[in-house]
Amino acid sequence: MKKNLTIIALLLIVSVAFFSCDNRDFSGFPVSLDQIVIDSPAEIGAMLAPLNFYNQSGEPVGVTKSVNKITFVMDSGTDNHGARLTLPAIALMYSEVEVTFKLDANSGGAGNVPKIGFKAAVGSDLTPYDDFEIHWGSHTAVGDAHTQVIPMSKIPAGSFLFNHNQYSDDTKAPINYTLEITEIVLNP
């Protein structure tokens, strides 16, 4: 019995010495994360909710959702209308998220250009703002896609907001277009 206790004590001392070492490398311990690709419309749709961030002057929410598609139809007050995308809880273990948007429909004229800005929370743009916006530009065509990469450190709550952003004459009301979120990728 005394021999067994001595062996256990020695193992305990070696374990404590090993785990108290300052230069240890636990990369890959206990598991390594694999990239997660979410491209099912139903799964993406379950993470997506349309909203009016500020409910300006009682304006109705000018955004509707159909599975993984968000449609912006507004005659005025286009700022601050968009959607919340809530990532799965495991996303907090990842370093970044990539979200790919495709212009699915565009029923407006020349002044109907999508420009999407990203927020960590209501009233809190991801900064620097220029790094976290998508502006389709004057040669917008249905089928055009853009991918936005966001570090998880910018969205610690595990969800982010995106909204149509009035920027110049080409993005001001009236607007009428649909964005389809085609893919969400979590990168380790």
N, C-alpha and C. Protein backbone atom coordinates (compact mmCIF):
# COMPACT_ATOMS: atom_id res chain seq x y z
N MET A 1 0.83 -1.19 0.00
CA MET A 1 0.00 0.00 0.00
C MET A 1 0.87 1.25 0.00
N LYS A 2 1.95 1.23 0.85
CA LYS A 2 2.84 2.39 0.94
C LYS A 2 3.51 2.64 -0.41
N LYS A 3 3.87 1.56 -1.12
CA LYS A 3 4.50 1.69 -2.43
C LYS A 3 3.55 2.35 -3.42
N ASN A 4 2.26 1.98 -3.40
CA ASN A 4 1.25 2.56 -4.30
C ASN A 4 1.06 4.05 -4.02
N LEU A 5 1.04 4.42 -2.72
CA LEU A 5 0.88 5.82 -2.37
C LEU A 5 2.08 6.64 -2.81
N THR A 6 3.27 6.06 -2.73
CA THR A 6 4.49 6.74 -3.17
C THR A 6 4.45 6.98 -4.68
N ILE A 7 4.01 6.00 -5.43
CA ILE A 7 3.89 6.15 -6.90
C ILE A 7 2.86 7.22 -7.24
N ILE A 8 1.73 7.20 -6.56
CA ILE A 8 0.68 8.21 -6.80
C ILE A 8 1.20 9.59 -6.46
N ALA A 9 1.93 9.73 -5.35
CA ALA A 9 2.48 11.03 -4.96
C ALA A 9 3.49 11.53 -5.99
N LEU A 10 4.33 10.64 -6.49
CA LEU A 10 5.29 11.03 -7.52
C LEU A 10 4.59 11.46 -8.80
N LEU A 11 3.57 10.74 -9.20
CA LEU A 11 2.79 11.13 -10.40
C LEU A 11 2.13 12.49 -10.20
N LEU A 12 1.63 12.72 -9.01
CA LEU A 12 1.00 14.01 -8.70
C LEU A 12 2.02 15.15 -8.78
N ILE A 13 3.22 14.94 -8.24
CA ILE A 13 4.27 15.96 -8.28
C ILE A 13 4.68 16.25 -9.72
N VAL A 14 4.87 15.21 -10.52
CA VAL A 14 5.25 15.38 -11.93
C VAL A 14 4.13 16.12 -12.68
N SER A 15 2.88 15.77 -12.41
CA SER A 15 1.74 16.43 -13.08
C SER A 15 1.68 17.91 -12.73
N VAL A 16 1.83 18.23 -11.45
CA VAL A 16 1.80 19.64 -11.02
C VAL A 16 2.95 20.41 -11.65
N ALA A 17 4.14 19.81 -11.68
CA ALA A 17 5.29 20.47 -12.30
C ALA A 17 5.04 20.71 -13.78
N PHE A 18 4.46 19.73 -14.46
CA PHE A 18 4.19 19.88 -15.90
C PHE A 18 3.16 20.97 -16.16
N PHE A 19 2.07 20.96 -15.43
CA PHE A 19 1.00 21.91 -15.69
C PHE A 19 1.29 23.31 -15.18
N SER A 20 2.30 23.48 -14.32
CA SER A 20 2.62 24.82 -13.84
C SER A 20 3.72 25.48 -14.67
N CYS A 21 4.21 24.79 -15.66
CA CYS A 21 5.25 25.30 -16.55
C CYS A 21 4.69 26.47 -17.37
N ASP A 22 5.41 27.60 -17.47
CA ASP A 22 4.93 28.77 -18.20
C ASP A 22 5.04 28.66 -19.71
N ASN A 23 5.90 27.81 -20.22
CA ASN A 23 6.11 27.77 -21.66
C ASN A 23 5.47 26.55 -22.32
N ARG A 24 4.41 26.06 -21.74
CA ARG A 24 3.75 24.89 -22.32
C ARG A 24 2.92 25.30 -23.54
N ASP A 25 2.70 24.38 -24.44
CA ASP A 25 1.91 24.63 -25.65
C ASP A 25 0.81 23.58 -25.71
N PHE A 26 -0.40 24.05 -25.52
CA PHE A 26 -1.53 23.13 -25.54
C PHE A 26 -2.31 23.22 -26.85
N SER A 27 -1.70 23.72 -27.92
CA SER A 27 -2.42 23.80 -29.18
C SER A 27 -2.88 22.40 -29.57
N GLY A 28 -4.11 22.31 -29.91
CA GLY A 28 -4.67 21.02 -30.26
C GLY A 28 -5.17 20.23 -29.06
N PHE A 29 -5.09 20.80 -27.86
CA PHE A 29 -5.52 20.09 -26.67
C PHE A 29 -6.77 20.73 -26.13
N PRO A 30 -7.83 20.07 -25.81
CA PRO A 30 -8.03 18.64 -25.99
C PRO A 30 -8.52 18.28 -27.39
N VAL A 31 -9.04 19.25 -28.12
CA VAL A 31 -9.48 18.98 -29.49
C VAL A 31 -9.11 20.18 -30.35
N SER A 32 -8.97 19.94 -31.62
CA SER A 32 -8.76 21.07 -32.53
C SER A 32 -10.09 21.36 -33.22
N LEU A 33 -10.31 22.61 -33.54
CA LEU A 33 -11.56 23.01 -34.18
C LEU A 33 -11.43 22.87 -35.69
N ASP A 34 -12.45 22.36 -36.31
CA ASP A 34 -12.51 22.30 -37.76
C ASP A 34 -13.39 23.43 -38.26
N GLN A 35 -13.13 23.87 -39.47
CA GLN A 35 -13.97 24.90 -40.08
C GLN A 35 -15.40 24.35 -40.18
N ILE A 36 -16.36 25.21 -39.89
CA ILE A 36 -17.78 24.83 -40.01
C ILE A 36 -18.38 25.67 -41.14
N VAL A 37 -19.01 25.00 -42.10
CA VAL A 37 -19.68 25.68 -43.20
C VAL A 37 -21.17 25.43 -43.06
N ILE A 38 -21.93 26.52 -42.99
CA ILE A 38 -23.39 26.44 -42.90
C ILE A 38 -23.92 27.02 -44.20
N ASP A 39 -24.50 26.17 -45.05
CA ASP A 39 -25.02 26.64 -46.32
C ASP A 39 -26.44 26.17 -46.61
N SER A 40 -27.05 25.57 -45.62
CA SER A 40 -28.45 25.15 -45.75
C SER A 40 -29.35 26.37 -45.56
N PRO A 41 -30.22 26.68 -46.53
CA PRO A 41 -31.12 27.83 -46.37
C PRO A 41 -31.94 27.76 -45.08
N ALA A 42 -32.40 26.57 -44.71
CA ALA A 42 -33.21 26.44 -43.49
C ALA A 42 -32.39 26.76 -42.24
N GLU A 43 -31.15 26.27 -42.18
CA GLU A 43 -30.29 26.55 -41.01
C GLU A 43 -29.95 28.03 -40.93
N ILE A 44 -29.64 28.64 -42.06
CA ILE A 44 -29.34 30.08 -42.06
C ILE A 44 -30.59 30.86 -41.67
N GLY A 45 -31.73 30.47 -42.21
CA GLY A 45 -32.99 31.15 -41.89
C GLY A 45 -33.33 31.10 -40.42
N ALA A 46 -32.98 30.01 -39.75
CA ALA A 46 -33.25 29.88 -38.32
C ALA A 46 -32.41 30.85 -37.50
N MET A 47 -31.30 31.33 -38.05
CA MET A 47 -30.42 32.26 -37.34
C MET A 47 -30.75 33.72 -37.64
N LEU A 48 -31.71 33.97 -38.53
CA LEU A 48 -31.94 35.30 -39.09
C LEU A 48 -33.27 35.89 -38.62
N ALA A 49 -33.24 37.16 -38.20
CA ALA A 49 -34.46 37.84 -37.78
C ALA A 49 -34.46 39.28 -38.31
N PRO A 50 -35.49 39.69 -39.08
CA PRO A 50 -35.55 41.07 -39.56
C PRO A 50 -35.89 42.01 -38.41
N LEU A 51 -35.39 43.26 -38.49
CA LEU A 51 -35.73 44.22 -37.44
C LEU A 51 -35.50 45.65 -37.89
N ASN A 52 -36.11 46.53 -37.13
CA ASN A 52 -35.92 47.97 -37.27
C ASN A 52 -35.17 48.37 -36.02
N PHE A 53 -33.92 48.72 -36.14
CA PHE A 53 -33.06 48.92 -34.98
C PHE A 53 -33.57 49.99 -34.03
N TYR A 54 -34.09 51.07 -34.55
CA TYR A 54 -34.45 52.19 -33.69
C TYR A 54 -35.93 52.51 -33.67
N ASN A 55 -36.73 51.85 -34.48
CA ASN A 55 -38.16 52.12 -34.58
C ASN A 55 -38.40 53.62 -34.75
N GLN A 56 -37.73 54.19 -35.72
CA GLN A 56 -37.78 55.63 -35.95
C GLN A 56 -39.19 56.12 -36.24
N SER A 57 -39.67 57.01 -35.42
CA SER A 57 -40.96 57.67 -35.62
C SER A 57 -42.09 56.67 -35.89
N GLY A 58 -41.99 55.51 -35.30
CA GLY A 58 -43.05 54.53 -35.48
C GLY A 58 -43.10 53.93 -36.87
N GLU A 59 -42.05 54.13 -37.66
CA GLU A 59 -42.05 53.56 -39.01
C GLU A 59 -42.17 52.05 -38.93
N PRO A 60 -42.91 51.46 -39.85
CA PRO A 60 -42.96 49.99 -39.85
C PRO A 60 -41.60 49.45 -40.28
N VAL A 61 -41.32 48.23 -39.86
CA VAL A 61 -40.08 47.61 -40.29
C VAL A 61 -40.19 47.38 -41.79
N GLY A 62 -39.25 47.95 -42.54
CA GLY A 62 -39.28 47.85 -43.99
C GLY A 62 -38.53 46.65 -44.49
N VAL A 63 -38.45 45.61 -43.68
CA VAL A 63 -37.67 44.42 -44.02
C VAL A 63 -38.53 43.20 -43.74
N THR A 64 -38.52 42.27 -44.68
CA THR A 64 -39.21 41.00 -44.47
C THR A 64 -38.22 39.87 -44.70
N LYS A 65 -38.55 38.72 -44.13
CA LYS A 65 -37.67 37.56 -44.23
C LYS A 65 -38.42 36.41 -44.86
N SER A 66 -37.74 35.68 -45.74
CA SER A 66 -38.26 34.44 -46.29
C SER A 66 -37.11 33.44 -46.27
N VAL A 67 -37.13 32.57 -45.31
CA VAL A 67 -36.09 31.58 -45.05
C VAL A 67 -34.75 32.30 -44.86
N ASN A 68 -33.84 32.25 -45.85
CA ASN A 68 -32.52 32.87 -45.71
C ASN A 68 -32.40 34.14 -46.55
N LYS A 69 -33.54 34.73 -46.91
CA LYS A 69 -33.54 35.95 -47.73
C LYS A 69 -34.17 37.10 -46.94
N ILE A 70 -33.56 38.28 -47.11
CA ILE A 70 -34.06 39.50 -46.48
C ILE A 70 -34.40 40.48 -47.60
N THR A 71 -35.64 40.97 -47.58
CA THR A 71 -36.08 41.93 -48.59
C THR A 71 -36.25 43.30 -47.96
N PHE A 72 -35.62 44.29 -48.58
CA PHE A 72 -35.72 45.69 -48.15
C PHE A 72 -36.67 46.40 -49.11
N VAL A 73 -37.81 46.87 -48.62
CA VAL A 73 -38.75 47.63 -49.42
C VAL A 73 -39.15 48.86 -48.61
N MET A 74 -38.56 50.01 -48.96
CA MET A 74 -38.82 51.21 -48.18
C MET A 74 -38.89 52.42 -49.09
N ASP A 75 -39.88 53.26 -48.83
CA ASP A 75 -40.03 54.50 -49.58
C ASP A 75 -39.29 55.65 -48.92
N SER A 76 -38.98 55.50 -47.64
CA SER A 76 -38.24 56.53 -46.91
C SER A 76 -37.59 55.89 -45.69
N GLY A 77 -36.72 56.64 -45.04
CA GLY A 77 -36.13 56.18 -43.78
C GLY A 77 -35.44 54.83 -43.89
N THR A 78 -34.57 54.67 -44.87
CA THR A 78 -33.97 53.36 -45.08
C THR A 78 -32.87 53.01 -44.09
N ASP A 79 -32.30 53.98 -43.42
CA ASP A 79 -31.26 53.65 -42.44
C ASP A 79 -31.85 52.85 -41.29
N ASN A 80 -31.04 51.98 -40.74
CA ASN A 80 -31.38 51.24 -39.52
C ASN A 80 -32.48 50.21 -39.69
N HIS A 81 -32.66 49.74 -40.88
CA HIS A 81 -33.54 48.61 -41.12
C HIS A 81 -32.66 47.47 -41.61
N GLY A 82 -32.82 46.31 -41.04
CA GLY A 82 -31.96 45.21 -41.43
C GLY A 82 -32.33 43.92 -40.74
N ALA A 83 -31.33 43.22 -40.23
CA ALA A 83 -31.58 41.92 -39.61
C ALA A 83 -30.50 41.61 -38.59
N ARG A 84 -30.84 40.68 -37.70
CA ARG A 84 -29.89 40.15 -36.73
C ARG A 84 -29.58 38.72 -37.17
N LEU A 85 -28.30 38.38 -37.16
CA LEU A 85 -27.88 37.03 -37.44
C LEU A 85 -27.24 36.48 -36.17
N THR A 86 -27.90 35.49 -35.57
CA THR A 86 -27.42 34.89 -34.32
C THR A 86 -26.72 33.58 -34.66
N LEU A 87 -25.45 33.54 -34.36
CA LEU A 87 -24.62 32.38 -34.67
C LEU A 87 -24.84 31.27 -33.65
N PRO A 88 -24.54 30.01 -34.03
CA PRO A 88 -24.63 28.93 -33.04
C PRO A 88 -23.65 29.18 -31.89
N ALA A 89 -23.96 28.67 -30.72
CA ALA A 89 -23.15 28.93 -29.52
C ALA A 89 -21.69 28.55 -29.72
N ILE A 90 -21.42 27.52 -30.49
CA ILE A 90 -20.03 27.09 -30.69
C ILE A 90 -19.20 28.15 -31.41
N ALA A 91 -19.83 29.11 -32.07
CA ALA A 91 -19.11 30.16 -32.80
C ALA A 91 -18.17 30.94 -31.90
N LEU A 92 -18.50 31.05 -30.62
CA LEU A 92 -17.66 31.81 -29.69
C LEU A 92 -16.29 31.18 -29.51
N MET A 93 -16.13 29.93 -29.91
CA MET A 93 -14.84 29.26 -29.82
C MET A 93 -13.99 29.50 -31.07
N TYR A 94 -14.55 30.13 -32.07
CA TYR A 94 -13.87 30.34 -33.35
C TYR A 94 -13.28 31.75 -33.43
N SER A 95 -12.37 31.95 -34.37
CA SER A 95 -11.70 33.25 -34.47
C SER A 95 -12.42 34.23 -35.38
N GLU A 96 -13.14 33.72 -36.40
CA GLU A 96 -13.83 34.64 -37.31
C GLU A 96 -15.00 33.95 -37.98
N VAL A 97 -15.89 34.79 -38.48
CA VAL A 97 -17.04 34.31 -39.25
C VAL A 97 -17.01 34.99 -40.62
N GLU A 98 -17.30 34.23 -41.65
CA GLU A 98 -17.44 34.77 -43.01
C GLU A 98 -18.90 34.63 -43.40
N VAL A 99 -19.51 35.73 -43.86
CA VAL A 99 -20.90 35.68 -44.28
C VAL A 99 -20.97 36.11 -45.74
N THR A 100 -21.56 35.26 -46.57
CA THR A 100 -21.67 35.57 -48.00
C THR A 100 -23.11 35.95 -48.33
N PHE A 101 -23.27 37.13 -48.95
CA PHE A 101 -24.56 37.66 -49.37
C PHE A 101 -24.61 37.68 -50.89
N LYS A 102 -25.75 37.34 -51.45
CA LYS A 102 -25.94 37.42 -52.90
C LYS A 102 -27.15 38.31 -53.16
N LEU A 103 -27.06 39.18 -54.16
CA LEU A 103 -28.21 39.99 -54.56
C LEU A 103 -29.16 39.07 -55.31
N ASP A 104 -30.30 38.77 -54.70
CA ASP A 104 -31.24 37.80 -55.25
C ASP A 104 -32.27 38.45 -56.16
N ALA A 105 -32.65 39.68 -55.85
CA ALA A 105 -33.64 40.40 -56.67
C ALA A 105 -33.42 41.89 -56.49
N ASN A 106 -33.70 42.64 -57.53
CA ASN A 106 -33.56 44.09 -57.47
C ASN A 106 -34.65 44.70 -58.35
N SER A 107 -35.67 45.24 -57.70
CA SER A 107 -36.82 45.79 -58.43
C SER A 107 -36.77 47.30 -58.56
N GLY A 108 -35.72 47.91 -58.08
CA GLY A 108 -35.65 49.36 -58.13
C GLY A 108 -34.91 49.86 -59.34
N GLY A 109 -34.78 51.15 -59.41
CA GLY A 109 -34.07 51.77 -60.53
C GLY A 109 -32.63 52.05 -60.18
N ALA A 110 -32.10 53.11 -60.78
CA ALA A 110 -30.69 53.46 -60.61
C ALA A 110 -30.36 53.80 -59.16
N GLY A 111 -31.32 54.31 -58.39
CA GLY A 111 -31.09 54.68 -57.00
C GLY A 111 -31.29 53.53 -56.04
N ASN A 112 -31.29 52.32 -56.54
CA ASN A 112 -31.61 51.16 -55.73
C ASN A 112 -30.38 50.25 -55.60
N VAL A 113 -29.35 50.75 -54.93
CA VAL A 113 -28.11 50.01 -54.79
C VAL A 113 -27.96 49.54 -53.34
N PRO A 114 -27.76 48.24 -53.14
CA PRO A 114 -27.56 47.75 -51.78
C PRO A 114 -26.25 48.26 -51.18
N LYS A 115 -26.34 48.71 -49.94
CA LYS A 115 -25.15 49.03 -49.14
C LYS A 115 -25.44 48.55 -47.73
N ILE A 116 -24.66 47.60 -47.27
CA ILE A 116 -24.91 46.96 -45.98
C ILE A 116 -23.78 47.31 -45.02
N GLY A 117 -24.17 47.78 -43.85
CA GLY A 117 -23.22 48.06 -42.77
C GLY A 117 -23.44 47.06 -41.64
N PHE A 118 -22.40 46.73 -40.92
CA PHE A 118 -22.47 45.72 -39.86
C PHE A 118 -22.30 46.36 -38.49
N LYS A 119 -23.03 45.84 -37.51
CA LYS A 119 -23.02 46.36 -36.15
C LYS A 119 -22.83 45.21 -35.16
N ALA A 120 -22.12 45.51 -34.08
CA ALA A 120 -21.98 44.53 -33.00
C ALA A 120 -23.25 44.53 -32.14
N ALA A 121 -23.89 45.69 -32.05
CA ALA A 121 -25.11 45.86 -31.27
C ALA A 121 -25.79 47.12 -31.80
N VAL A 122 -27.01 47.36 -31.37
CA VAL A 122 -27.72 48.56 -31.79
C VAL A 122 -26.88 49.79 -31.45
N GLY A 123 -26.63 50.63 -32.43
CA GLY A 123 -25.88 51.85 -32.22
C GLY A 123 -24.38 51.67 -32.14
N SER A 124 -23.89 50.47 -32.42
CA SER A 124 -22.46 50.19 -32.28
C SER A 124 -21.92 49.57 -33.57
N ASP A 125 -21.46 50.43 -34.49
CA ASP A 125 -20.88 49.95 -35.74
C ASP A 125 -19.61 49.16 -35.46
N LEU A 126 -19.36 48.15 -36.28
CA LEU A 126 -18.06 47.49 -36.20
C LEU A 126 -17.01 48.45 -36.72
N THR A 127 -15.91 48.57 -36.02
CA THR A 127 -14.91 49.56 -36.41
C THR A 127 -13.60 48.89 -36.80
N PRO A 128 -12.82 49.48 -37.70
CA PRO A 128 -13.16 50.69 -38.47
C PRO A 128 -14.29 50.39 -39.45
N TYR A 129 -15.24 51.31 -39.54
CA TYR A 129 -16.47 51.07 -40.28
C TYR A 129 -16.23 50.65 -41.72
N ASP A 130 -15.26 51.29 -42.39
CA ASP A 130 -14.99 50.97 -43.79
C ASP A 130 -14.62 49.51 -44.00
N ASP A 131 -14.09 48.87 -42.99
CA ASP A 131 -13.72 47.46 -43.11
C ASP A 131 -14.92 46.53 -43.00
N PHE A 132 -16.03 47.05 -42.52
CA PHE A 132 -17.19 46.21 -42.26
C PHE A 132 -18.44 46.75 -42.94
N GLU A 133 -18.32 46.94 -44.24
CA GLU A 133 -19.47 47.35 -45.02
C GLU A 133 -19.34 46.75 -46.42
N ILE A 134 -20.48 46.54 -47.03
CA ILE A 134 -20.53 46.04 -48.39
C ILE A 134 -21.35 47.03 -49.21
N HIS A 135 -20.74 47.61 -50.25
CA HIS A 135 -21.44 48.53 -51.14
C HIS A 135 -21.37 47.95 -52.54
N TRP A 136 -22.52 47.54 -53.05
CA TRP A 136 -22.54 46.88 -54.35
C TRP A 136 -22.06 47.81 -55.48
N GLY A 137 -22.32 49.09 -55.35
CA GLY A 137 -21.85 50.03 -56.36
C GLY A 137 -22.81 50.20 -57.53
N SER A 138 -22.43 51.04 -58.47
CA SER A 138 -23.35 51.44 -59.54
C SER A 138 -23.59 50.36 -60.59
N HIS A 139 -22.80 49.33 -60.63
CA HIS A 139 -22.98 48.27 -61.61
C HIS A 139 -23.55 47.02 -60.96
N THR A 140 -24.59 47.22 -60.18
CA THR A 140 -25.21 46.14 -59.43
C THR A 140 -25.96 45.22 -60.37
N ALA A 141 -25.74 43.93 -60.23
CA ALA A 141 -26.45 42.94 -61.03
C ALA A 141 -26.95 41.82 -60.13
N VAL A 142 -28.14 41.33 -60.42
CA VAL A 142 -28.69 40.20 -59.67
C VAL A 142 -27.71 39.04 -59.82
N GLY A 143 -27.43 38.39 -58.72
CA GLY A 143 -26.47 37.29 -58.70
C GLY A 143 -25.12 37.69 -58.15
N ASP A 144 -24.83 39.01 -58.10
CA ASP A 144 -23.57 39.48 -57.51
C ASP A 144 -23.50 39.05 -56.05
N ALA A 145 -22.34 38.59 -55.63
CA ALA A 145 -22.17 38.14 -54.25
C ALA A 145 -20.96 38.82 -53.63
N HIS A 146 -21.04 39.02 -52.33
CA HIS A 146 -19.94 39.59 -51.56
C HIS A 146 -19.83 38.80 -50.26
N THR A 147 -18.60 38.69 -49.77
CA THR A 147 -18.35 38.01 -48.50
C THR A 147 -17.76 39.01 -47.52
N GLN A 148 -18.31 39.02 -46.32
CA GLN A 148 -17.79 39.87 -45.25
C GLN A 148 -17.17 38.97 -44.19
N VAL A 149 -15.93 39.26 -43.81
CA VAL A 149 -15.24 38.50 -42.76
C VAL A 149 -15.24 39.37 -41.50
N ILE A 150 -15.69 38.78 -40.40
CA ILE A 150 -15.78 39.52 -39.13
C ILE A 150 -15.06 38.71 -38.05
N PRO A 151 -14.06 39.30 -37.38
CA PRO A 151 -13.42 38.61 -36.25
C PRO A 151 -14.45 38.43 -35.12
N MET A 152 -14.43 37.27 -34.49
CA MET A 152 -15.37 37.03 -33.39
C MET A 152 -15.12 38.00 -32.24
N SER A 153 -13.91 38.53 -32.13
CA SER A 153 -13.63 39.50 -31.08
C SER A 153 -14.48 40.76 -31.24
N LYS A 154 -14.97 41.02 -32.46
CA LYS A 154 -15.82 42.19 -32.72
C LYS A 154 -17.27 41.93 -32.34
N ILE A 155 -17.64 40.65 -32.20
CA ILE A 155 -19.05 40.31 -31.90
C ILE A 155 -19.10 39.32 -30.73
N PRO A 156 -18.70 39.77 -29.54
CA PRO A 156 -18.59 38.85 -28.41
C PRO A 156 -19.91 38.24 -27.95
N ALA A 157 -21.03 38.84 -28.32
CA ALA A 157 -22.32 38.29 -27.90
C ALA A 157 -22.76 37.14 -28.80
N GLY A 158 -22.01 36.87 -29.88
CA GLY A 158 -22.37 35.75 -30.75
C GLY A 158 -23.42 36.07 -31.78
N SER A 159 -23.77 37.34 -31.91
CA SER A 159 -24.69 37.74 -32.97
C SER A 159 -24.27 39.12 -33.46
N PHE A 160 -24.67 39.43 -34.66
CA PHE A 160 -24.38 40.75 -35.20
C PHE A 160 -25.56 41.23 -36.01
N LEU A 161 -25.59 42.52 -36.23
CA LEU A 161 -26.66 43.15 -36.99
C LEU A 161 -26.10 43.63 -38.31
N PHE A 162 -26.94 43.63 -39.33
CA PHE A 162 -26.55 44.28 -40.57
C PHE A 162 -27.75 45.05 -41.07
N ASN A 163 -27.50 46.19 -41.69
CA ASN A 163 -28.60 47.02 -42.13
C ASN A 163 -28.27 47.73 -43.43
N HIS A 164 -29.35 48.11 -44.14
CA HIS A 164 -29.16 48.96 -45.31
C HIS A 164 -28.69 50.31 -44.79
N ASN A 165 -27.73 50.88 -45.48
CA ASN A 165 -27.15 52.14 -45.03
C ASN A 165 -27.27 53.18 -46.11
N GLN A 166 -27.99 54.27 -45.82
CA GLN A 166 -28.06 55.40 -46.76
C GLN A 166 -26.69 56.04 -46.82
N TYR A 167 -26.16 56.16 -48.01
CA TYR A 167 -24.79 56.63 -48.12
C TYR A 167 -24.70 57.77 -49.14
N SER A 168 -25.23 57.54 -50.30
CA SER A 168 -25.20 58.54 -51.36
C SER A 168 -26.51 58.42 -52.13
N ASP A 169 -26.64 59.17 -53.18
CA ASP A 169 -27.89 59.15 -53.94
C ASP A 169 -28.26 57.75 -54.42
N ASP A 170 -27.26 56.93 -54.70
CA ASP A 170 -27.58 55.60 -55.24
C ASP A 170 -28.09 54.63 -54.18
N THR A 171 -28.01 54.99 -52.90
CA THR A 171 -28.49 54.08 -51.85
C THR A 171 -29.66 54.66 -51.06
N LYS A 172 -30.16 55.82 -51.49
CA LYS A 172 -31.29 56.44 -50.78
C LYS A 172 -32.61 55.89 -51.28
N ALA A 173 -33.63 56.06 -50.47
CA ALA A 173 -34.98 55.58 -50.80
C ALA A 173 -35.48 56.25 -52.07
N PRO A 174 -36.39 55.62 -52.78
CA PRO A 174 -36.95 54.30 -52.46
C PRO A 174 -36.02 53.17 -52.86
N ILE A 175 -36.07 52.10 -52.05
CA ILE A 175 -35.28 50.92 -52.37
C ILE A 175 -36.17 49.69 -52.37
N ASN A 176 -35.77 48.70 -53.13
CA ASN A 176 -36.54 47.45 -53.21
C ASN A 176 -35.59 46.37 -53.74
N TYR A 177 -34.99 45.64 -52.84
CA TYR A 177 -34.09 44.56 -53.25
C TYR A 177 -34.10 43.45 -52.21
N THR A 178 -33.62 42.28 -52.63
CA THR A 178 -33.56 41.12 -51.75
C THR A 178 -32.14 40.59 -51.71
N LEU A 179 -31.66 40.37 -50.50
CA LEU A 179 -30.36 39.73 -50.29
C LEU A 179 -30.59 38.31 -49.80
N GLU A 180 -29.82 37.39 -50.34
CA GLU A 180 -29.87 36.02 -49.87
C GLU A 180 -28.55 35.72 -49.17
N ILE A 181 -28.63 35.26 -47.94
CA ILE A 181 -27.43 34.85 -47.23
C ILE A 181 -27.20 33.40 -47.64
N THR A 182 -26.14 33.18 -48.41
CA THR A 182 -25.92 31.86 -49.00
C THR A 182 -24.99 30.97 -48.19
N GLU A 183 -24.12 31.59 -47.37
CA GLU A 183 -23.16 30.76 -46.64
C GLU A 183 -22.63 31.50 -45.41
N ILE A 184 -22.47 30.74 -44.35
CA ILE A 184 -21.84 31.23 -43.12
C ILE A 184 -20.73 30.24 -42.81
N VAL A 185 -19.50 30.76 -42.68
CA VAL A 185 -18.35 29.89 -42.40
C VAL A 185 -17.71 30.35 -41.10
N LEU A 186 -17.50 29.40 -40.20
CA LEU A 186 -16.77 29.67 -38.95
C LEU A 186 -15.36 29.14 -39.12
N ASN A 187 -14.39 30.04 -38.99
CA ASN A 187 -12.98 29.67 -39.14
C ASN A 187 -12.29 29.62 -37.78
N PRO A 188 -11.52 28.54 -37.53
CA PRO A 188 -10.81 28.42 -36.25
C PRO A 188 -9.77 29.52 -36.07
